[in-house]
């Protein structure tokens, strides 16, 4: 058990469309883990709830409006990276306002749950895939 690593709280969302596909986004160049596919979301800022952070991030990244009642807590990832420990709640959202438009130059893809493992993802995201498959397949 390693001590002394800072725990970073990041929140993520599996947006699920009417066909049961999940939205993933490719991390742009210049960011850590660039080129890997991930669920949209981001860091929870001081004084923010995870839900408020996720609503803010989805609006900033994808131009969509999500109501708190439409976010269902699903599972979480707890992963030790080299310089920090990541704690990442994953929410499911099946209803949002507006069209998904990537605002940060990121590629996006709507993917069937059974095909998510075809995309290279950060290590913390990988354990979540089997749970999403069980839920959506």
N, C-alpha and C. Protein backbone atom coordinates (compact mmCIF):
# COMPACT_ATOMS: atom_id res chain seq x y z
N UNK A 1 0.86 -1.18 0.00
CA UNK A 1 0.00 0.00 0.00
C UNK A 1 0.90 1.23 0.00
N UNK A 2 0.79 2.04 -1.04
CA UNK A 2 1.65 3.22 -1.11
C UNK A 2 0.99 4.39 -0.39
N UNK A 3 1.79 5.10 0.35
CA UNK A 3 1.29 6.26 1.08
C UNK A 3 1.83 7.52 0.43
N UNK A 4 1.16 8.64 0.70
CA UNK A 4 1.70 9.91 0.27
C UNK A 4 1.27 10.37 -1.11
N UNK A 5 0.57 9.53 -1.85
CA UNK A 5 0.08 9.99 -3.16
C UNK A 5 -1.19 10.79 -2.96
N UNK A 6 -1.30 11.86 -3.70
CA UNK A 6 -2.52 12.66 -3.64
C UNK A 6 -3.65 11.91 -4.35
N UNK A 7 -4.84 11.94 -3.76
CA UNK A 7 -6.02 11.36 -4.41
C UNK A 7 -6.71 12.45 -5.21
N UNK A 8 -6.93 12.18 -6.47
CA UNK A 8 -7.58 13.13 -7.37
C UNK A 8 -8.98 12.61 -7.68
N UNK A 9 -9.97 13.46 -7.45
CA UNK A 9 -11.36 13.10 -7.72
C UNK A 9 -11.75 13.60 -9.10
N UNK A 10 -12.05 12.66 -9.98
CA UNK A 10 -12.49 12.96 -11.34
C UNK A 10 -13.82 12.27 -11.53
N UNK A 11 -14.74 12.91 -12.23
CA UNK A 11 -16.06 12.33 -12.43
C UNK A 11 -16.25 12.06 -13.93
N UNK A 12 -16.94 10.97 -14.25
CA UNK A 12 -17.13 10.60 -15.65
C UNK A 12 -18.57 10.14 -15.88
N UNK A 13 -18.95 10.14 -17.16
CA UNK A 13 -20.32 9.80 -17.51
C UNK A 13 -20.35 8.88 -18.72
N UNK A 14 -21.14 7.83 -18.61
CA UNK A 14 -21.45 7.00 -19.76
C UNK A 14 -22.78 7.51 -20.31
N UNK A 15 -22.69 8.33 -21.37
CA UNK A 15 -23.90 8.79 -22.05
C UNK A 15 -24.39 7.64 -22.91
N UNK A 16 -25.64 7.24 -22.73
CA UNK A 16 -26.19 6.10 -23.46
C UNK A 16 -27.33 6.60 -24.35
N UNK A 17 -27.21 6.36 -25.66
CA UNK A 17 -28.25 6.84 -26.58
C UNK A 17 -29.41 5.84 -26.69
N UNK A 18 -30.42 6.18 -27.47
CA UNK A 18 -31.62 5.34 -27.56
C UNK A 18 -31.31 3.96 -28.14
N UNK A 19 -30.21 3.83 -28.86
CA UNK A 19 -29.80 2.53 -29.42
C UNK A 19 -28.90 1.74 -28.48
N UNK A 20 -28.68 2.27 -27.26
CA UNK A 20 -27.85 1.57 -26.28
C UNK A 20 -26.35 1.73 -26.52
N UNK A 21 -25.98 2.71 -27.34
CA UNK A 21 -24.55 2.96 -27.57
C UNK A 21 -24.03 3.96 -26.54
N UNK A 22 -22.74 3.87 -26.25
CA UNK A 22 -22.09 4.71 -25.25
C UNK A 22 -21.15 5.68 -25.96
N UNK A 23 -21.14 6.94 -25.49
CA UNK A 23 -20.25 7.93 -26.08
C UNK A 23 -18.88 7.87 -25.41
N UNK A 24 -17.83 7.81 -26.24
CA UNK A 24 -16.47 7.96 -25.73
C UNK A 24 -15.79 9.07 -26.53
N UNK A 25 -14.79 9.67 -25.91
CA UNK A 25 -14.07 10.79 -26.54
C UNK A 25 -12.58 10.49 -26.48
N UNK A 26 -11.87 10.93 -27.51
CA UNK A 26 -10.42 10.71 -27.60
C UNK A 26 -9.70 11.91 -26.98
N UNK A 27 -8.77 11.63 -26.07
CA UNK A 27 -8.02 12.71 -25.41
C UNK A 27 -7.15 13.41 -26.44
N UNK A 28 -7.25 14.75 -26.52
CA UNK A 28 -6.49 15.48 -27.54
C UNK A 28 -4.99 15.51 -27.25
N UNK A 29 -4.19 15.76 -28.30
CA UNK A 29 -2.74 15.88 -28.12
C UNK A 29 -2.41 16.97 -27.11
N UNK A 30 -1.31 16.77 -26.37
CA UNK A 30 -0.88 17.77 -25.39
C UNK A 30 -1.40 17.50 -24.00
N UNK A 31 -2.39 16.61 -23.86
CA UNK A 31 -2.91 16.25 -22.54
C UNK A 31 -2.24 14.96 -22.08
N UNK A 32 -2.28 14.71 -20.77
CA UNK A 32 -1.79 13.42 -20.30
C UNK A 32 -2.70 12.34 -20.89
N UNK A 33 -2.14 11.19 -21.17
CA UNK A 33 -2.87 10.07 -21.78
C UNK A 33 -3.48 10.45 -23.13
N UNK A 34 -2.84 11.36 -23.85
CA UNK A 34 -3.33 11.81 -25.17
C UNK A 34 -3.48 10.61 -26.09
N UNK A 35 -4.55 10.64 -26.91
CA UNK A 35 -4.79 9.58 -27.88
C UNK A 35 -5.60 8.42 -27.34
N UNK A 36 -5.80 8.37 -26.03
CA UNK A 36 -6.62 7.30 -25.46
C UNK A 36 -8.08 7.74 -25.44
N UNK A 37 -8.98 6.77 -25.52
CA UNK A 37 -10.43 7.03 -25.48
C UNK A 37 -10.91 6.96 -24.05
N UNK A 38 -11.87 7.82 -23.70
CA UNK A 38 -12.36 7.86 -22.32
C UNK A 38 -13.82 8.29 -22.30
N UNK A 39 -14.42 8.14 -21.13
CA UNK A 39 -15.77 8.65 -20.92
C UNK A 39 -15.65 10.14 -20.64
N UNK A 40 -16.58 10.96 -21.15
CA UNK A 40 -16.49 12.40 -20.88
C UNK A 40 -16.63 12.70 -19.39
N UNK A 41 -16.02 13.80 -18.99
CA UNK A 41 -16.05 14.23 -17.59
C UNK A 41 -14.83 15.05 -17.28
N UNK A 42 -14.47 15.12 -16.00
CA UNK A 42 -13.30 15.90 -15.64
C UNK A 42 -13.16 16.02 -14.13
N UNK A 43 -12.22 16.87 -13.74
CA UNK A 43 -11.90 17.05 -12.31
C UNK A 43 -13.03 17.75 -11.58
N UNK A 44 -13.23 17.32 -10.35
CA UNK A 44 -14.18 17.98 -9.45
C UNK A 44 -13.41 19.11 -8.78
N UNK A 45 -13.90 20.34 -8.95
CA UNK A 45 -13.23 21.51 -8.36
C UNK A 45 -13.62 21.64 -6.89
N UNK A 46 -12.80 22.37 -6.13
CA UNK A 46 -13.08 22.60 -4.71
C UNK A 46 -14.48 23.21 -4.55
N UNK A 47 -15.25 22.67 -3.62
CA UNK A 47 -16.58 23.19 -3.34
C UNK A 47 -17.66 22.69 -4.29
N UNK A 48 -17.28 21.85 -5.26
CA UNK A 48 -18.25 21.33 -6.23
C UNK A 48 -18.67 19.92 -5.84
N UNK A 49 -19.92 19.57 -6.07
CA UNK A 49 -20.33 18.18 -5.91
C UNK A 49 -19.92 17.43 -7.19
N UNK A 50 -19.78 16.11 -7.12
CA UNK A 50 -19.49 15.36 -8.35
C UNK A 50 -20.53 15.59 -9.44
N UNK A 51 -21.80 15.66 -9.05
CA UNK A 51 -22.86 15.87 -10.05
C UNK A 51 -22.74 17.24 -10.70
N UNK A 52 -22.48 18.27 -9.90
CA UNK A 52 -22.33 19.62 -10.46
C UNK A 52 -21.12 19.69 -11.40
N UNK A 53 -20.04 19.03 -11.01
CA UNK A 53 -18.84 19.00 -11.85
C UNK A 53 -19.14 18.31 -13.19
N UNK A 54 -19.87 17.21 -13.12
CA UNK A 54 -20.17 16.47 -14.34
C UNK A 54 -21.09 17.27 -15.27
N UNK A 55 -22.08 17.92 -14.70
CA UNK A 55 -22.98 18.76 -15.50
C UNK A 55 -22.18 19.88 -16.17
N UNK A 56 -21.27 20.51 -15.42
CA UNK A 56 -20.43 21.58 -15.98
C UNK A 56 -19.53 21.03 -17.09
N UNK A 57 -18.87 19.91 -16.84
CA UNK A 57 -17.95 19.33 -17.82
C UNK A 57 -18.68 18.91 -19.10
N UNK A 58 -19.85 18.31 -18.97
CA UNK A 58 -20.60 17.87 -20.16
C UNK A 58 -21.02 19.06 -21.01
N UNK A 59 -21.36 20.16 -20.35
CA UNK A 59 -21.73 21.36 -21.09
C UNK A 59 -20.48 21.95 -21.78
N UNK A 60 -19.36 22.01 -21.04
CA UNK A 60 -18.12 22.58 -21.60
C UNK A 60 -17.56 21.72 -22.74
N UNK A 61 -17.57 20.39 -22.56
CA UNK A 61 -16.93 19.50 -23.54
C UNK A 61 -17.84 19.17 -24.72
N UNK A 62 -19.14 19.04 -24.45
CA UNK A 62 -20.04 18.45 -25.46
C UNK A 62 -21.27 19.29 -25.79
N UNK A 63 -21.40 20.48 -25.19
CA UNK A 63 -22.53 21.38 -25.46
C UNK A 63 -23.89 20.81 -25.08
N UNK A 64 -23.94 19.88 -24.15
CA UNK A 64 -25.24 19.34 -23.76
C UNK A 64 -25.60 19.77 -22.35
N UNK A 65 -26.90 19.80 -22.10
CA UNK A 65 -27.43 20.18 -20.80
C UNK A 65 -28.01 18.95 -20.12
N UNK A 66 -27.48 18.66 -18.93
CA UNK A 66 -27.92 17.48 -18.18
C UNK A 66 -28.51 17.94 -16.85
N UNK A 67 -29.65 17.41 -16.51
CA UNK A 67 -30.28 17.71 -15.22
C UNK A 67 -29.77 16.71 -14.17
N UNK A 68 -29.59 17.16 -12.93
CA UNK A 68 -29.08 16.25 -11.89
C UNK A 68 -29.88 14.95 -11.79
N UNK A 69 -31.20 15.03 -11.95
CA UNK A 69 -32.04 13.83 -11.83
C UNK A 69 -31.77 12.80 -12.92
N UNK A 70 -31.11 13.22 -14.01
CA UNK A 70 -30.82 12.31 -15.12
C UNK A 70 -29.48 11.61 -14.97
N UNK A 71 -28.75 11.92 -13.90
CA UNK A 71 -27.47 11.26 -13.63
C UNK A 71 -27.68 10.14 -12.62
N UNK A 72 -27.44 8.91 -13.04
CA UNK A 72 -27.59 7.76 -12.15
C UNK A 72 -26.21 7.24 -11.76
N UNK A 73 -25.85 7.28 -10.46
CA UNK A 73 -24.56 6.73 -10.05
C UNK A 73 -24.51 5.25 -10.43
N UNK A 74 -23.41 4.82 -11.06
CA UNK A 74 -23.33 3.45 -11.55
C UNK A 74 -22.25 2.63 -10.85
N UNK A 75 -21.02 3.09 -10.94
CA UNK A 75 -19.90 2.39 -10.31
C UNK A 75 -18.75 3.39 -10.18
N UNK A 76 -17.59 2.93 -9.77
CA UNK A 76 -16.46 3.85 -9.69
C UNK A 76 -15.18 3.12 -9.99
N UNK A 77 -14.16 3.89 -10.36
CA UNK A 77 -12.81 3.36 -10.55
C UNK A 77 -11.93 3.93 -9.46
N UNK A 78 -11.02 3.09 -8.94
CA UNK A 78 -10.01 3.51 -7.99
C UNK A 78 -8.71 2.95 -8.53
N UNK A 79 -7.83 3.86 -8.99
CA UNK A 79 -6.64 3.39 -9.70
C UNK A 79 -5.41 4.19 -9.29
N UNK A 80 -4.32 3.47 -9.01
CA UNK A 80 -3.05 4.12 -8.64
C UNK A 80 -2.23 4.38 -9.90
N UNK A 81 -2.13 5.64 -10.27
CA UNK A 81 -1.18 6.04 -11.30
C UNK A 81 0.15 6.32 -10.61
N UNK A 82 1.19 6.57 -11.40
CA UNK A 82 2.52 6.74 -10.81
C UNK A 82 2.59 7.90 -9.82
N UNK A 83 1.96 9.03 -10.15
CA UNK A 83 2.13 10.23 -9.32
C UNK A 83 0.90 10.60 -8.49
N UNK A 84 -0.22 9.91 -8.69
CA UNK A 84 -1.43 10.23 -7.93
C UNK A 84 -2.34 9.02 -7.92
N UNK A 85 -3.35 9.07 -7.06
CA UNK A 85 -4.37 8.02 -7.03
C UNK A 85 -5.67 8.62 -7.57
N UNK A 86 -6.27 7.94 -8.52
CA UNK A 86 -7.50 8.43 -9.15
C UNK A 86 -8.71 7.76 -8.52
N UNK A 87 -9.68 8.57 -8.11
CA UNK A 87 -10.98 8.07 -7.69
C UNK A 87 -11.98 8.66 -8.65
N UNK A 88 -12.70 7.80 -9.40
CA UNK A 88 -13.56 8.28 -10.47
C UNK A 88 -14.95 7.63 -10.42
N UNK A 89 -15.94 8.35 -9.86
CA UNK A 89 -17.31 7.87 -9.97
C UNK A 89 -17.75 7.92 -11.44
N UNK A 90 -18.46 6.87 -11.86
CA UNK A 90 -19.01 6.82 -13.21
C UNK A 90 -20.54 6.84 -13.10
N UNK A 91 -21.14 7.80 -13.79
CA UNK A 91 -22.60 7.93 -13.83
C UNK A 91 -23.10 7.46 -15.19
N UNK A 92 -24.35 7.02 -15.20
CA UNK A 92 -25.04 6.70 -16.46
C UNK A 92 -26.02 7.84 -16.72
N UNK A 93 -26.10 8.29 -17.96
CA UNK A 93 -27.07 9.31 -18.34
C UNK A 93 -27.69 8.90 -19.67
N UNK A 94 -29.02 8.81 -19.68
CA UNK A 94 -29.74 8.42 -20.90
C UNK A 94 -30.57 9.57 -21.48
N UNK A 95 -30.57 10.72 -20.79
CA UNK A 95 -31.42 11.84 -21.24
C UNK A 95 -30.68 13.15 -21.04
N UNK A 96 -30.60 13.95 -22.08
CA UNK A 96 -29.93 15.25 -22.00
C UNK A 96 -30.57 16.19 -23.01
N UNK A 97 -30.27 17.46 -22.85
CA UNK A 97 -30.80 18.47 -23.76
C UNK A 97 -29.73 18.91 -24.75
N UNK A 98 -30.14 19.10 -26.00
CA UNK A 98 -29.22 19.56 -27.03
C UNK A 98 -28.54 18.41 -27.75
N UNK A 99 -27.80 18.76 -28.79
CA UNK A 99 -27.06 17.77 -29.57
C UNK A 99 -25.62 17.72 -29.07
N UNK A 100 -25.06 16.52 -29.07
CA UNK A 100 -23.67 16.35 -28.67
C UNK A 100 -22.76 16.96 -29.73
N UNK A 101 -22.02 18.00 -29.34
CA UNK A 101 -21.08 18.68 -30.23
C UNK A 101 -19.75 18.78 -29.50
N UNK A 102 -18.70 18.11 -29.98
CA UNK A 102 -17.41 18.20 -29.29
C UNK A 102 -16.83 19.60 -29.41
N UNK A 103 -16.58 20.25 -28.27
CA UNK A 103 -16.12 21.64 -28.26
C UNK A 103 -14.63 21.80 -28.10
N UNK A 104 -13.91 20.72 -27.80
CA UNK A 104 -12.49 20.84 -27.49
C UNK A 104 -11.63 20.17 -28.56
N UNK A 105 -12.17 20.01 -29.75
CA UNK A 105 -11.41 19.41 -30.84
C UNK A 105 -11.21 17.90 -30.69
N UNK A 106 -11.91 17.31 -29.73
CA UNK A 106 -11.74 15.88 -29.49
C UNK A 106 -12.59 15.07 -30.47
N UNK A 107 -12.06 13.92 -30.89
CA UNK A 107 -12.87 12.97 -31.66
C UNK A 107 -13.83 12.30 -30.70
N UNK A 108 -15.03 11.97 -31.18
CA UNK A 108 -15.98 11.23 -30.35
C UNK A 108 -16.49 10.03 -31.15
N UNK A 109 -16.99 9.03 -30.44
CA UNK A 109 -17.56 7.86 -31.10
C UNK A 109 -18.68 7.31 -30.23
N UNK A 110 -19.76 6.88 -30.89
CA UNK A 110 -20.85 6.17 -30.21
C UNK A 110 -20.59 4.69 -30.44
N UNK A 111 -20.42 3.94 -29.35
CA UNK A 111 -19.93 2.57 -29.44
C UNK A 111 -20.84 1.63 -28.65
N UNK A 112 -21.12 0.48 -29.23
CA UNK A 112 -21.87 -0.55 -28.48
C UNK A 112 -21.01 -1.02 -27.32
N UNK A 113 -21.65 -1.31 -26.19
CA UNK A 113 -20.90 -1.69 -24.97
C UNK A 113 -19.96 -2.87 -25.23
N UNK A 114 -20.39 -3.82 -26.04
CA UNK A 114 -19.56 -4.98 -26.32
C UNK A 114 -18.32 -4.67 -27.15
N UNK A 115 -18.26 -3.49 -27.74
CA UNK A 115 -17.11 -3.10 -28.57
C UNK A 115 -16.20 -2.08 -27.89
N UNK A 116 -16.54 -1.64 -26.68
CA UNK A 116 -15.73 -0.63 -25.99
C UNK A 116 -14.28 -1.08 -25.81
N UNK A 117 -14.09 -2.39 -25.59
CA UNK A 117 -12.72 -2.87 -25.37
C UNK A 117 -11.87 -2.85 -26.64
N UNK A 118 -12.48 -2.55 -27.79
CA UNK A 118 -11.71 -2.40 -29.04
C UNK A 118 -10.95 -1.06 -29.06
N UNK A 119 -11.29 -0.16 -28.15
CA UNK A 119 -10.68 1.18 -28.12
C UNK A 119 -9.67 1.23 -26.99
N UNK A 120 -8.50 1.83 -27.25
CA UNK A 120 -7.48 1.93 -26.22
C UNK A 120 -7.89 3.00 -25.21
N UNK A 121 -7.98 2.59 -23.94
CA UNK A 121 -8.47 3.48 -22.88
C UNK A 121 -7.45 3.57 -21.75
N UNK A 122 -7.56 4.61 -20.91
CA UNK A 122 -6.68 4.70 -19.74
C UNK A 122 -6.90 3.49 -18.83
N UNK A 123 -5.86 3.08 -18.10
CA UNK A 123 -5.98 1.90 -17.23
C UNK A 123 -7.16 1.97 -16.26
N UNK A 124 -7.47 3.15 -15.74
CA UNK A 124 -8.55 3.27 -14.76
C UNK A 124 -9.92 2.94 -15.37
N UNK A 125 -10.08 3.16 -16.68
CA UNK A 125 -11.38 2.96 -17.33
C UNK A 125 -11.66 1.48 -17.63
N UNK A 126 -10.62 0.69 -17.80
CA UNK A 126 -10.78 -0.68 -18.30
C UNK A 126 -11.68 -1.55 -17.41
N UNK A 127 -11.53 -1.52 -16.06
CA UNK A 127 -12.42 -2.35 -15.24
C UNK A 127 -13.90 -1.97 -15.36
N UNK A 128 -14.20 -0.76 -15.82
CA UNK A 128 -15.59 -0.32 -15.93
C UNK A 128 -16.30 -0.96 -17.13
N UNK A 129 -15.54 -1.41 -18.12
CA UNK A 129 -16.13 -1.88 -19.37
C UNK A 129 -16.99 -3.12 -19.19
N UNK A 130 -16.53 -4.07 -18.38
CA UNK A 130 -17.31 -5.30 -18.17
C UNK A 130 -18.65 -4.97 -17.50
N UNK A 131 -18.63 -4.01 -16.57
CA UNK A 131 -19.88 -3.64 -15.89
C UNK A 131 -20.84 -2.98 -16.85
N UNK A 132 -20.32 -2.13 -17.74
CA UNK A 132 -21.18 -1.50 -18.74
C UNK A 132 -21.75 -2.54 -19.71
N UNK A 133 -20.90 -3.50 -20.09
CA UNK A 133 -21.38 -4.58 -20.96
C UNK A 133 -22.54 -5.34 -20.31
N UNK A 134 -22.37 -5.67 -19.02
CA UNK A 134 -23.43 -6.39 -18.31
C UNK A 134 -24.72 -5.60 -18.25
N UNK A 135 -24.61 -4.27 -18.10
CA UNK A 135 -25.78 -3.41 -18.01
C UNK A 135 -26.48 -3.27 -19.36
N UNK A 136 -25.71 -3.15 -20.44
CA UNK A 136 -26.28 -2.71 -21.72
C UNK A 136 -26.41 -3.80 -22.77
N UNK A 137 -25.80 -4.95 -22.58
CA UNK A 137 -25.88 -5.98 -23.64
C UNK A 137 -27.03 -6.92 -23.37
